[in-house]
């Protein structure tokens, strides 16, 4: 089906806007998936805050110009669905990884994160990246550990003194 020029411009503008506000993108071949399976993928992506879009490769290349996803231009071949992660780097990778568990027809082509292209073998590693809340909690525990250890170290001499007095008291009572 031929698209009119104004429709192409609208698609490029929309994808470019989404790409400029996204953290990562996963490109995957969807050939062989049924309409029901694609609907399921879209619903799962929507719940996770992932923007999913099937775009012609030439339009995607034009939309990616000037964004950190320009590095994907070489890998965009064949029928590709693009999953944009807007809130956290691993959201799109997680959605695709979970969908792959029951659907082997979806094939990950490439992943762009921070201006670097990763491939299908890296999907699992990217999907395991912590969410923002998990990363903050890990950082806070790392920051809190030395302070906690310092308080324990400072408190130990008085604790030893109290235990020594208690031992003397128990010895005299016996």
Protein backbone atom coordinates (compact mmCIF):
# COMPACT_ATOMS: atom_id res chain seq x y z
CA UNK A 1 0.00 0.00 0.00
CA UNK A 2 1.50 3.30 -1.08
CA UNK A 3 1.70 6.08 1.46
CA UNK A 4 1.15 9.67 0.47
CA UNK A 5 3.94 12.15 1.13
CA UNK A 6 2.08 13.90 3.95
CA UNK A 7 1.45 10.54 5.66
CA UNK A 8 5.14 9.67 5.38
CA UNK A 9 6.10 13.04 6.86
CA UNK A 10 3.67 12.50 9.74
CA UNK A 11 5.11 9.03 10.45
CA UNK A 12 8.68 10.35 10.34
CA UNK A 13 7.78 13.23 12.67
CA UNK A 14 6.05 10.91 15.14
CA UNK A 15 8.85 8.33 15.20
CA UNK A 16 11.48 11.06 15.42
CA UNK A 17 9.69 12.63 18.39
CA UNK A 18 9.41 9.27 20.16
CA UNK A 19 13.05 8.43 19.39
CA UNK A 20 14.32 11.74 20.74
CA UNK A 21 12.54 11.09 24.04
CA UNK A 22 13.51 7.42 24.35
CA UNK A 23 16.37 5.75 26.17
CA UNK A 24 16.66 2.54 24.14
CA UNK A 25 15.08 0.79 21.18
CA UNK A 26 14.79 -2.86 20.17
CA UNK A 27 14.36 -3.77 16.49
CA UNK A 28 12.90 -7.22 15.80
CA UNK A 29 11.62 -9.14 12.79
CA UNK A 30 7.97 -10.02 13.22
CA UNK A 31 7.41 -12.11 10.08
CA UNK A 32 5.29 -15.16 10.89
CA UNK A 33 3.47 -13.67 13.88
CA UNK A 34 -0.30 -13.76 13.71
CA UNK A 35 -2.48 -10.70 14.26
CA UNK A 36 -3.47 -12.06 17.68
CA UNK A 37 0.18 -12.45 18.68
CA UNK A 38 1.03 -8.92 17.53
CA UNK A 39 -1.98 -7.61 19.48
CA UNK A 40 -0.74 -9.47 22.55
CA UNK A 41 2.74 -7.97 22.10
CA UNK A 42 1.28 -4.47 21.73
CA UNK A 43 -0.86 -4.89 24.85
CA UNK A 44 2.12 -6.12 26.88
CA UNK A 45 4.25 -3.24 25.62
CA UNK A 46 1.55 -0.68 26.44
CA UNK A 47 1.29 -2.00 30.02
CA UNK A 48 5.06 -1.65 30.43
CA UNK A 49 5.22 1.88 29.02
CA UNK A 50 6.96 0.75 25.84
CA UNK A 51 6.05 2.40 22.53
CA UNK A 52 5.74 -0.25 19.81
CA UNK A 53 5.56 0.68 16.13
CA UNK A 54 5.95 -1.02 12.77
CA UNK A 55 7.62 1.48 10.44
CA UNK A 56 9.10 1.20 6.98
CA UNK A 57 12.86 0.98 7.24
CA UNK A 58 13.51 3.99 5.03
CA UNK A 59 11.18 6.13 7.13
CA UNK A 60 12.80 4.84 10.34
CA UNK A 61 16.26 5.74 9.02
CA UNK A 62 15.07 9.26 8.23
CA UNK A 63 13.41 9.57 11.65
CA UNK A 64 16.55 8.37 13.46
CA UNK A 65 18.79 11.03 11.88
CA UNK A 66 20.08 13.33 14.60
CA UNK A 67 19.19 10.94 17.43
CA UNK A 68 21.32 8.42 19.28
CA UNK A 69 19.52 5.65 17.36
CA UNK A 70 21.08 6.63 14.05
CA UNK A 71 23.49 3.75 14.64
CA UNK A 72 20.63 1.30 13.87
CA UNK A 73 20.44 2.35 10.20
CA UNK A 74 22.59 -0.56 9.01
CA UNK A 75 20.55 -3.20 10.84
CA UNK A 76 17.10 -2.11 9.64
CA UNK A 77 16.26 -4.69 6.98
CA UNK A 78 13.10 -6.64 6.32
CA UNK A 79 9.85 -6.26 8.26
CA UNK A 80 10.85 -4.69 11.57
CA UNK A 81 8.89 -3.74 14.66
CA UNK A 82 10.51 -1.08 16.83
CA UNK A 83 10.06 -1.10 20.61
CA UNK A 84 11.03 2.21 22.24
CA UNK A 85 11.77 2.36 25.96
CA UNK A 86 10.95 5.79 27.35
CA UNK A 87 11.32 5.37 31.11
CA UNK A 88 14.15 2.91 31.72
CA UNK A 89 16.83 1.37 29.51
CA UNK A 90 15.73 -2.22 29.93
CA UNK A 91 11.93 -1.93 29.58
CA UNK A 92 11.72 -2.69 25.85
CA UNK A 93 14.29 -5.48 26.11
CA UNK A 94 12.32 -7.01 29.00
CA UNK A 95 9.04 -6.92 27.05
CA UNK A 96 10.62 -8.54 23.98
CA UNK A 97 12.50 -11.13 26.07
CA UNK A 98 9.32 -12.15 27.91
CA UNK A 99 7.38 -12.33 24.64
CA UNK A 100 10.08 -14.51 23.07
CA UNK A 101 9.53 -17.21 25.70
CA UNK A 102 6.29 -18.27 24.04
CA UNK A 103 6.79 -17.03 20.48
CA UNK A 104 9.81 -18.14 18.49
CA UNK A 105 8.78 -16.33 15.30
CA UNK A 106 9.83 -12.94 16.69
CA UNK A 107 13.56 -12.51 16.01
CA UNK A 108 15.56 -9.74 17.66
CA UNK A 109 17.65 -7.95 15.07
CA UNK A 110 19.40 -5.24 17.10
CA UNK A 111 19.21 -3.07 20.21
CA UNK A 112 20.38 0.52 20.53
CA UNK A 113 21.29 1.90 23.92
CA UNK A 114 23.34 5.03 24.51
CA UNK A 115 24.29 5.34 20.84
CA UNK A 116 25.74 1.83 20.73
CA UNK A 117 24.30 -1.09 18.73
CA UNK A 118 23.91 -4.41 20.50
CA UNK A 119 22.67 -7.61 18.93
CA UNK A 120 20.33 -10.47 19.85
CA UNK A 121 22.90 -12.20 22.05
CA UNK A 122 22.96 -9.13 24.32
CA UNK A 123 19.18 -9.02 24.84
CA UNK A 124 19.27 -10.98 28.10
CA UNK A 125 22.00 -8.81 29.60
CA UNK A 126 20.17 -5.59 28.71
CA UNK A 127 16.86 -6.98 29.99
CA UNK A 128 18.53 -7.67 33.36
CA UNK A 129 19.59 -4.04 33.83
CA UNK A 130 18.03 -2.67 37.02
CA UNK A 131 15.05 -0.35 36.91
CA UNK A 132 15.47 3.21 38.17
CA UNK A 133 14.08 2.34 41.61
CA UNK A 134 16.32 -0.75 41.88
CA UNK A 135 19.39 1.25 40.87
CA UNK A 136 18.61 3.96 43.45
CA UNK A 137 18.15 1.36 46.20
CA UNK A 138 21.44 -0.33 45.25
CA UNK A 139 23.22 3.03 45.32
CA UNK A 140 21.71 3.90 48.69
CA UNK A 141 22.82 0.57 50.18
CA UNK A 142 26.36 1.16 48.90
CA UNK A 143 26.36 4.66 50.39
CA UNK A 144 24.86 3.46 53.69
CA UNK A 145 27.28 0.52 54.25
CA UNK A 146 30.37 2.57 55.31
CA UNK A 147 28.30 4.76 57.62
CA UNK A 148 26.77 1.69 59.28
CA UNK A 149 30.18 0.08 59.69
CA UNK A 150 31.58 3.30 61.21
CA UNK A 151 28.75 3.45 63.77
CA UNK A 152 29.35 -0.20 64.71
CA UNK A 153 33.08 0.42 65.09
CA UNK A 154 32.53 3.50 67.26
CA UNK A 155 29.95 1.68 69.40
CA UNK A 156 32.08 -1.46 69.96
CA UNK A 157 34.39 -0.19 72.76
CA UNK A 158 31.45 0.84 74.94
CA UNK A 159 29.76 -2.48 74.20
CA UNK A 160 32.89 -4.35 75.32
CA UNK A 161 33.01 -2.28 78.51
CA UNK A 162 29.37 -3.07 79.30
CA UNK A 163 29.96 -6.79 78.68
CA UNK A 164 33.06 -6.71 80.93
CA UNK A 165 31.06 -5.06 83.77
CA UNK A 166 28.31 -7.64 83.31
CA UNK A 167 30.85 -10.46 83.52
CA UNK A 168 32.37 -9.02 86.71
CA UNK A 169 28.87 -8.59 88.19
CA UNK A 170 27.96 -12.19 87.34
CA UNK A 171 31.26 -13.46 88.77
CA UNK A 172 30.73 -11.59 92.06
CA UNK A 173 27.14 -12.78 92.26
CA UNK A 174 28.28 -16.38 91.95
